[in-house]
């Protein structure tokens, strides 16, 4: 009986210790973003695949951000959002005359605010 209680206590202790060790690591980051001269490259940790979006001649990268499972690249012509959960890209034209007011990527959501509208991307 004492041995059974001791084994139960030991198992519970190991379970708690394992959960605490797992909590120390951030397993939520599922995305990588690289912008090179003519491409935005997105990697999804969920699908294990890369997605490339070609940047047009003269298109300038203004802002980039990645967190959790979403990434956004804002250029002089468009906003490019990527969901690591879906492994999918979404693009929205953003003319320069709209002007950038705010840009934020946090967790699984991102926003791009211009003088005319608010754009949202989610994982």
C-alpha atoms as a PDB file:
ATOM      1  CA  UNK A   1       0.000   0.000   0.000  1.00  0.00           C
ATOM      2  CA  UNK A   2       2.773   2.440   0.948  1.00  0.00           C
ATOM      3  CA  UNK A   3       4.683   1.451  -2.161  1.00  0.00           C
ATOM      4  CA  UNK A   4       1.619   2.159  -4.346  1.00  0.00           C
ATOM      5  CA  UNK A   5       1.201   5.635  -2.777  1.00  0.00           C
ATOM      6  CA  UNK A   6       4.891   6.337  -3.229  1.00  0.00           C
ATOM      7  CA  UNK A   7       4.734   5.339  -6.914  1.00  0.00           C
ATOM      8  CA  UNK A   8       1.606   7.489  -7.410  1.00  0.00           C
ATOM      9  CA  UNK A   9       3.303  10.466  -5.757  1.00  0.00           C
ATOM     10  CA  UNK A  10       6.423   9.962  -7.849  1.00  0.00           C
ATOM     11  CA  UNK A  11       4.370   9.793 -11.062  1.00  0.00           C
ATOM     12  CA  UNK A  12       2.518  12.989 -10.128  1.00  0.00           C
ATOM     13  CA  UNK A  13       5.806  14.730  -9.334  1.00  0.00           C
ATOM     14  CA  UNK A  14       7.300  13.713 -12.695  1.00  0.00           C
ATOM     15  CA  UNK A  15       4.163  14.914 -14.498  1.00  0.00           C
ATOM     16  CA  UNK A  16       4.328  18.320 -12.794  1.00  0.00           C
ATOM     17  CA  UNK A  17       8.081  18.620 -13.463  1.00  0.00           C
ATOM     18  CA  UNK A  18       7.565  17.762 -17.146  1.00  0.00           C
ATOM     19  CA  UNK A  19       4.789  20.341 -17.481  1.00  0.00           C
ATOM     20  CA  UNK A  20       6.990  22.990 -15.844  1.00  0.00           C
ATOM     21  CA  UNK A  21       9.870  22.219 -18.237  1.00  0.00           C
ATOM     22  CA  UNK A  22       7.530  22.429 -21.226  1.00  0.00           C
ATOM     23  CA  UNK A  23       6.212  25.774 -20.001  1.00  0.00           C
ATOM     24  CA  UNK A  24       9.755  27.196 -20.137  1.00  0.00           C
ATOM     25  CA  UNK A  25       9.871  26.720 -23.932  1.00  0.00           C
ATOM     26  CA  UNK A  26       7.762  28.753 -26.353  1.00  0.00           C
ATOM     27  CA  UNK A  27       6.135  26.161 -28.587  1.00  0.00           C
ATOM     28  CA  UNK A  28       3.770  28.752 -30.084  1.00  0.00           C
ATOM     29  CA  UNK A  29       6.178  30.137 -32.680  1.00  0.00           C
ATOM     30  CA  UNK A  30       5.350  28.296 -35.880  1.00  0.00           C
ATOM     31  CA  UNK A  31       6.691  30.753 -38.428  1.00  0.00           C
ATOM     32  CA  UNK A  32       9.876  32.112 -39.956  1.00  0.00           C
ATOM     33  CA  UNK A  33      10.101  35.109 -42.274  1.00  0.00           C
ATOM     34  CA  UNK A  34      12.990  36.128 -44.504  1.00  0.00           C
ATOM     35  CA  UNK A  35      12.948  38.971 -46.999  1.00  0.00           C
ATOM     36  CA  UNK A  36      15.654  38.849 -49.618  1.00  0.00           C
ATOM     37  CA  UNK A  37      16.241  41.150 -52.554  1.00  0.00           C
ATOM     38  CA  UNK A  38      13.308  40.042 -54.732  1.00  0.00           C
ATOM     39  CA  UNK A  39      11.287  37.667 -52.508  1.00  0.00           C
ATOM     40  CA  UNK A  40       9.495  37.287 -49.216  1.00  0.00           C
ATOM     41  CA  UNK A  41      10.027  33.777 -47.877  1.00  0.00           C
ATOM     42  CA  UNK A  42       7.673  32.314 -45.284  1.00  0.00           C
ATOM     43  CA  UNK A  43       8.198  29.005 -43.462  1.00  0.00           C
ATOM     44  CA  UNK A  44       5.362  27.179 -41.726  1.00  0.00           C
ATOM     45  CA  UNK A  45       6.352  25.009 -38.788  1.00  0.00           C
ATOM     46  CA  UNK A  46       2.946  23.354 -39.000  1.00  0.00           C
ATOM     47  CA  UNK A  47       3.168  22.236 -42.651  1.00  0.00           C
ATOM     48  CA  UNK A  48       6.978  22.068 -42.790  1.00  0.00           C
ATOM     49  CA  UNK A  49       7.050  23.953 -46.080  1.00  0.00           C
ATOM     50  CA  UNK A  50       8.312  27.228 -47.542  1.00  0.00           C
ATOM     51  CA  UNK A  51       6.149  29.702 -49.460  1.00  0.00           C
ATOM     52  CA  UNK A  52       7.773  32.375 -51.646  1.00  0.00           C
ATOM     53  CA  UNK A  53       6.176  35.602 -52.842  1.00  0.00           C
ATOM     54  CA  UNK A  54       7.993  37.431 -55.609  1.00  0.00           C
ATOM     55  CA  UNK A  55       8.423  41.178 -55.133  1.00  0.00           C
ATOM     56  CA  UNK A  56       7.915  43.360 -58.197  1.00  0.00           C
ATOM     57  CA  UNK A  57      10.609  45.561 -59.682  1.00  0.00           C
ATOM     58  CA  UNK A  58      10.781  48.791 -57.683  1.00  0.00           C
ATOM     59  CA  UNK A  59       8.634  47.410 -54.852  1.00  0.00           C
ATOM     60  CA  UNK A  60      10.152  48.479 -51.533  1.00  0.00           C
ATOM     61  CA  UNK A  61       9.722  46.639 -48.251  1.00  0.00           C
ATOM     62  CA  UNK A  62       8.500  49.100 -45.619  1.00  0.00           C
ATOM     63  CA  UNK A  63       7.791  46.867 -42.600  1.00  0.00           C
ATOM     64  CA  UNK A  64       7.996  43.196 -41.656  1.00  0.00           C
ATOM     65  CA  UNK A  65       6.804  41.245 -38.668  1.00  0.00           C
ATOM     66  CA  UNK A  66       6.266  37.653 -37.552  1.00  0.00           C
ATOM     67  CA  UNK A  67       4.949  36.168 -34.324  1.00  0.00           C
ATOM     68  CA  UNK A  68       3.091  33.063 -33.261  1.00  0.00           C
ATOM     69  CA  UNK A  69       1.660  31.693 -36.494  1.00  0.00           C
ATOM     70  CA  UNK A  70       1.284  34.845 -38.609  1.00  0.00           C
ATOM     71  CA  UNK A  71       3.686  37.038 -40.603  1.00  0.00           C
ATOM     72  CA  UNK A  72       3.180  40.237 -42.606  1.00  0.00           C
ATOM     73  CA  UNK A  73       5.320  42.067 -45.121  1.00  0.00           C
ATOM     74  CA  UNK A  74       4.223  45.606 -45.982  1.00  0.00           C
ATOM     75  CA  UNK A  75       5.620  46.965 -49.212  1.00  0.00           C
ATOM     76  CA  UNK A  76       5.177  50.171 -51.143  1.00  0.00           C
ATOM     77  CA  UNK A  77       2.411  48.426 -53.131  1.00  0.00           C
ATOM     78  CA  UNK A  78       0.729  45.786 -50.943  1.00  0.00           C
ATOM     79  CA  UNK A  79       0.392  43.990 -47.635  1.00  0.00           C
ATOM     80  CA  UNK A  80       1.312  40.308 -47.754  1.00  0.00           C
ATOM     81  CA  UNK A  81       0.042  38.159 -44.897  1.00  0.00           C
ATOM     82  CA  UNK A  82       0.932  34.523 -44.233  1.00  0.00           C
ATOM     83  CA  UNK A  83      -0.743  31.959 -41.974  1.00  0.00           C
ATOM     84  CA  UNK A  84       1.562  29.187 -40.730  1.00  0.00           C
ATOM     85  CA  UNK A  85      -1.485  27.161 -39.674  1.00  0.00           C
ATOM     86  CA  UNK A  86      -2.933  27.139 -43.188  1.00  0.00           C
ATOM     87  CA  UNK A  87       0.341  27.513 -45.115  1.00  0.00           C
ATOM     88  CA  UNK A  88      -1.398  30.211 -47.128  1.00  0.00           C
ATOM     89  CA  UNK A  89      -0.635  33.751 -48.339  1.00  0.00           C
ATOM     90  CA  UNK A  90      -3.110  36.618 -48.649  1.00  0.00           C
ATOM     91  CA  UNK A  91      -2.316  39.875 -50.449  1.00  0.00           C
ATOM     92  CA  UNK A  92      -4.094  43.238 -50.293  1.00  0.00           C
ATOM     93  CA  UNK A  93      -3.129  46.185 -52.521  1.00  0.00           C
ATOM     94  CA  UNK A  94      -2.069  49.224 -50.471  1.00  0.00           C
ATOM     95  CA  UNK A  95      -1.450  52.306 -52.613  1.00  0.00           C
ATOM     96  CA  UNK A  96       1.243  54.661 -51.291  1.00  0.00           C
ATOM     97  CA  UNK A  97      -1.222  57.548 -51.000  1.00  0.00           C
ATOM     98  CA  UNK A  98      -3.033  55.693 -48.192  1.00  0.00           C
ATOM     99  CA  UNK A  99      -0.040  56.196 -45.898  1.00  0.00           C
ATOM    100  CA  UNK A 100       0.874  53.956 -42.992  1.00  0.00           C
ATOM    101  CA  UNK A 101      -0.466  54.912 -39.554  1.00  0.00           C
ATOM    102  CA  UNK A 102       0.334  51.774 -37.537  1.00  0.00           C
ATOM    103  CA  UNK A 103       1.715  48.271 -37.980  1.00  0.00           C
ATOM    104  CA  UNK A 104       1.568  45.471 -35.416  1.00  0.00           C
ATOM    105  CA  UNK A 105       2.113  41.715 -35.315  1.00  0.00           C
ATOM    106  CA  UNK A 106       1.303  39.989 -32.040  1.00  0.00           C
ATOM    107  CA  UNK A 107       0.575  36.337 -31.375  1.00  0.00           C
ATOM    108  CA  UNK A 108      -1.622  34.984 -34.137  1.00  0.00           C
ATOM    109  CA  UNK A 109      -2.908  38.318 -35.465  1.00  0.00           C
ATOM    110  CA  UNK A 110      -1.494  41.288 -37.346  1.00  0.00           C
ATOM    111  CA  UNK A 111      -2.844  44.691 -38.315  1.00  0.00           C
ATOM    112  CA  UNK A 112      -1.909  47.347 -40.817  1.00  0.00           C
ATOM    113  CA  UNK A 113      -3.634  50.715 -40.316  1.00  0.00           C
ATOM    114  CA  UNK A 114      -3.607  53.302 -43.083  1.00  0.00           C
ATOM    115  CA  UNK A 115      -5.312  56.683 -43.301  1.00  0.00           C
ATOM    116  CA  UNK A 116      -8.200  55.029 -45.168  1.00  0.00           C
ATOM    117  CA  UNK A 117      -8.660  51.549 -43.686  1.00  0.00           C
ATOM    118  CA  UNK A 118      -7.618  48.851 -41.257  1.00  0.00           C
ATOM    119  CA  UNK A 119      -6.314  45.536 -42.568  1.00  0.00           C
ATOM    120  CA  UNK A 120      -6.214  42.443 -40.400  1.00  0.00           C
ATOM    121  CA  UNK A 121      -4.468  39.109 -40.853  1.00  0.00           C
ATOM    122  CA  UNK A 122      -4.844  36.080 -38.636  1.00  0.00           C
ATOM    123  CA  UNK A 123      -3.391  32.607 -38.437  1.00  0.00           C
END
